[in-house]
């Protein structure tokens, strides 16, 4: 697949993932399976972290974020993206303190539910 096609597919997946999270935030997705929402959050956040830490392959959601070099600078960049794109308030400390991408996305889902 060409890189343009991959980018188009990734944008489509990101839009779908963001839509699922917005529905959850508005409370209209109360019956939505938590695992589906968690997968959507991981799909949405993973490409942002990939760019920030400079890796070409998706991060393993169960691997410690520290192994990828997630530091305070990456955390601030991700925090700003989360605020702008998902309208969720999360601190850089919460991002750095998240053990894995899955744990970070669990935190984001908890904040969405409030």
C-alpha atoms as a PDB file:
ATOM      1  CA  UNK A   1       0.000   0.000   0.000  1.00  0.00           C
ATOM      2  CA  UNK A   2       1.311   3.435  -0.862  1.00  0.00           C
ATOM      3  CA  UNK A   3       2.131   5.871   1.928  1.00  0.00           C
ATOM      4  CA  UNK A   4      -0.716   8.153   0.772  1.00  0.00           C
ATOM      5  CA  UNK A   5      -3.185   5.272   1.071  1.00  0.00           C
ATOM      6  CA  UNK A   6      -1.806   4.351   4.499  1.00  0.00           C
ATOM      7  CA  UNK A   7      -2.208   7.948   5.622  1.00  0.00           C
ATOM      8  CA  UNK A   8      -5.809   8.023   4.357  1.00  0.00           C
ATOM      9  CA  UNK A   9      -6.616   4.778   6.193  1.00  0.00           C
ATOM     10  CA  UNK A  10      -4.957   6.052   9.378  1.00  0.00           C
ATOM     11  CA  UNK A  11      -6.932   9.327   9.200  1.00  0.00           C
ATOM     12  CA  UNK A  12     -10.151   7.352   8.758  1.00  0.00           C
ATOM     13  CA  UNK A  13      -9.346   5.112  11.736  1.00  0.00           C
ATOM     14  CA  UNK A  14      -8.446   8.156  13.845  1.00  0.00           C
ATOM     15  CA  UNK A  15     -11.720   9.889  12.951  1.00  0.00           C
ATOM     16  CA  UNK A  16     -13.692   6.764  13.866  1.00  0.00           C
ATOM     17  CA  UNK A  17     -11.792   6.362  17.140  1.00  0.00           C
ATOM     18  CA  UNK A  18     -12.316  10.011  18.027  1.00  0.00           C
ATOM     19  CA  UNK A  19     -16.046   9.686  17.282  1.00  0.00           C
ATOM     20  CA  UNK A  20     -16.332   6.729  19.667  1.00  0.00           C
ATOM     21  CA  UNK A  21     -14.594   8.678  22.426  1.00  0.00           C
ATOM     22  CA  UNK A  22     -16.786  11.744  21.860  1.00  0.00           C
ATOM     23  CA  UNK A  23     -19.899   9.573  22.154  1.00  0.00           C
ATOM     24  CA  UNK A  24     -18.533   8.197  25.422  1.00  0.00           C
ATOM     25  CA  UNK A  25     -17.869  11.724  26.703  1.00  0.00           C
ATOM     26  CA  UNK A  26     -21.404  12.830  25.878  1.00  0.00           C
ATOM     27  CA  UNK A  27     -22.799   9.821  27.700  1.00  0.00           C
ATOM     28  CA  UNK A  28     -24.637   8.481  24.674  1.00  0.00           C
ATOM     29  CA  UNK A  29     -22.457   5.397  24.447  1.00  0.00           C
ATOM     30  CA  UNK A  30     -23.278   3.930  27.838  1.00  0.00           C
ATOM     31  CA  UNK A  31     -23.801   0.455  26.375  1.00  0.00           C
ATOM     32  CA  UNK A  32     -20.566   0.535  24.409  1.00  0.00           C
ATOM     33  CA  UNK A  33     -18.161  -2.147  25.473  1.00  0.00           C
ATOM     34  CA  UNK A  34     -15.268  -0.758  27.521  1.00  0.00           C
ATOM     35  CA  UNK A  35     -12.766  -2.863  25.557  1.00  0.00           C
ATOM     36  CA  UNK A  36     -13.904  -1.229  22.299  1.00  0.00           C
ATOM     37  CA  UNK A  37     -13.489   2.236  23.783  1.00  0.00           C
ATOM     38  CA  UNK A  38     -10.073   1.338  25.153  1.00  0.00           C
ATOM     39  CA  UNK A  39      -8.975   0.029  21.742  1.00  0.00           C
ATOM     40  CA  UNK A  40     -10.263   3.230  20.122  1.00  0.00           C
ATOM     41  CA  UNK A  41      -8.303   5.355  22.597  1.00  0.00           C
ATOM     42  CA  UNK A  42      -5.123   3.348  21.962  1.00  0.00           C
ATOM     43  CA  UNK A  43      -5.606   3.694  18.169  1.00  0.00           C
ATOM     44  CA  UNK A  44      -6.025   7.433  18.563  1.00  0.00           C
ATOM     45  CA  UNK A  45      -3.123   8.127  20.939  1.00  0.00           C
ATOM     46  CA  UNK A  46      -0.606   5.660  19.485  1.00  0.00           C
ATOM     47  CA  UNK A  47       0.228   7.644  16.289  1.00  0.00           C
ATOM     48  CA  UNK A  48       0.772  10.810  18.335  1.00  0.00           C
ATOM     49  CA  UNK A  49       3.209   9.018  20.624  1.00  0.00           C
ATOM     50  CA  UNK A  50       4.883   7.364  17.627  1.00  0.00           C
ATOM     51  CA  UNK A  51       5.652  10.806  16.159  1.00  0.00           C
ATOM     52  CA  UNK A  52       6.759  12.219  19.505  1.00  0.00           C
ATOM     53  CA  UNK A  53       9.228   9.442  20.299  1.00  0.00           C
ATOM     54  CA  UNK A  54      10.318   8.991  16.679  1.00  0.00           C
ATOM     55  CA  UNK A  55       9.363   5.386  15.995  1.00  0.00           C
ATOM     56  CA  UNK A  56       7.902   4.058  12.751  1.00  0.00           C
ATOM     57  CA  UNK A  57       6.010   1.096  14.190  1.00  0.00           C
ATOM     58  CA  UNK A  58       3.027   1.353  16.557  1.00  0.00           C
ATOM     59  CA  UNK A  59       3.881   1.186  20.239  1.00  0.00           C
ATOM     60  CA  UNK A  60       3.011  -2.025  22.066  1.00  0.00           C
ATOM     61  CA  UNK A  61       0.192  -0.904  24.398  1.00  0.00           C
ATOM     62  CA  UNK A  62       1.396  -3.281  27.139  1.00  0.00           C
ATOM     63  CA  UNK A  63       5.073  -2.274  27.063  1.00  0.00           C
ATOM     64  CA  UNK A  64       6.273   0.322  29.586  1.00  0.00           C
ATOM     65  CA  UNK A  65       6.208   3.825  28.099  1.00  0.00           C
ATOM     66  CA  UNK A  66       9.618   4.496  29.637  1.00  0.00           C
ATOM     67  CA  UNK A  67      11.095   1.899  27.264  1.00  0.00           C
ATOM     68  CA  UNK A  68      10.062   4.154  24.367  1.00  0.00           C
ATOM     69  CA  UNK A  69      11.671   7.222  25.901  1.00  0.00           C
ATOM     70  CA  UNK A  70       8.512   8.980  27.048  1.00  0.00           C
ATOM     71  CA  UNK A  71       9.799  11.850  29.148  1.00  0.00           C
ATOM     72  CA  UNK A  72       8.444  15.188  30.342  1.00  0.00           C
ATOM     73  CA  UNK A  73       8.869  16.838  26.929  1.00  0.00           C
ATOM     74  CA  UNK A  74       6.901  14.078  25.207  1.00  0.00           C
ATOM     75  CA  UNK A  75       4.329  14.251  28.000  1.00  0.00           C
ATOM     76  CA  UNK A  76       3.794  17.997  27.543  1.00  0.00           C
ATOM     77  CA  UNK A  77       3.412  17.563  23.785  1.00  0.00           C
ATOM     78  CA  UNK A  78       0.900  14.739  24.269  1.00  0.00           C
ATOM     79  CA  UNK A  79      -0.938  16.647  27.012  1.00  0.00           C
ATOM     80  CA  UNK A  80      -1.395  19.609  24.671  1.00  0.00           C
ATOM     81  CA  UNK A  81      -2.670  17.341  21.886  1.00  0.00           C
ATOM     82  CA  UNK A  82      -5.123  15.628  24.260  1.00  0.00           C
ATOM     83  CA  UNK A  83      -6.433  19.002  25.465  1.00  0.00           C
ATOM     84  CA  UNK A  84      -6.873  20.282  21.929  1.00  0.00           C
ATOM     85  CA  UNK A  85      -8.193  17.169  20.190  1.00  0.00           C
ATOM     86  CA  UNK A  86     -10.087  15.339  22.938  1.00  0.00           C
ATOM     87  CA  UNK A  87     -10.847  18.239  25.288  1.00  0.00           C
ATOM     88  CA  UNK A  88      -9.623  16.246  28.283  1.00  0.00           C
ATOM     89  CA  UNK A  89      -7.530  17.790  31.053  1.00  0.00           C
ATOM     90  CA  UNK A  90      -4.604  15.531  31.874  1.00  0.00           C
ATOM     91  CA  UNK A  91      -1.317  16.493  33.498  1.00  0.00           C
ATOM     92  CA  UNK A  92       2.121  15.768  32.134  1.00  0.00           C
ATOM     93  CA  UNK A  93       2.798  13.956  35.419  1.00  0.00           C
ATOM     94  CA  UNK A  94      -0.147  11.603  34.774  1.00  0.00           C
ATOM     95  CA  UNK A  95       1.264  10.827  31.330  1.00  0.00           C
ATOM     96  CA  UNK A  96       4.807  10.199  32.557  1.00  0.00           C
ATOM     97  CA  UNK A  97       3.414   8.207  35.470  1.00  0.00           C
ATOM     98  CA  UNK A  98       1.320   5.939  33.271  1.00  0.00           C
ATOM     99  CA  UNK A  99       3.073   2.604  33.126  1.00  0.00           C
ATOM    100  CA  UNK A 100       1.803   1.616  29.668  1.00  0.00           C
ATOM    101  CA  UNK A 101      -0.159   3.074  26.766  1.00  0.00           C
ATOM    102  CA  UNK A 102      -3.121   0.979  27.901  1.00  0.00           C
ATOM    103  CA  UNK A 103      -2.906   2.453  31.420  1.00  0.00           C
ATOM    104  CA  UNK A 104      -2.724   5.975  29.981  1.00  0.00           C
ATOM    105  CA  UNK A 105      -5.785   5.342  27.819  1.00  0.00           C
ATOM    106  CA  UNK A 106      -7.640   3.934  30.843  1.00  0.00           C
ATOM    107  CA  UNK A 107      -6.935   7.238  32.605  1.00  0.00           C
ATOM    108  CA  UNK A 108      -8.265   9.161  29.611  1.00  0.00           C
ATOM    109  CA  UNK A 109     -11.454   7.071  29.538  1.00  0.00           C
ATOM    110  CA  UNK A 110     -11.956   7.638  33.277  1.00  0.00           C
ATOM    111  CA  UNK A 111     -11.627  11.382  32.754  1.00  0.00           C
ATOM    112  CA  UNK A 112     -14.058  11.269  29.827  1.00  0.00           C
ATOM    113  CA  UNK A 113     -16.653   9.540  31.975  1.00  0.00           C
ATOM    114  CA  UNK A 114     -16.635  12.351  34.568  1.00  0.00           C
END
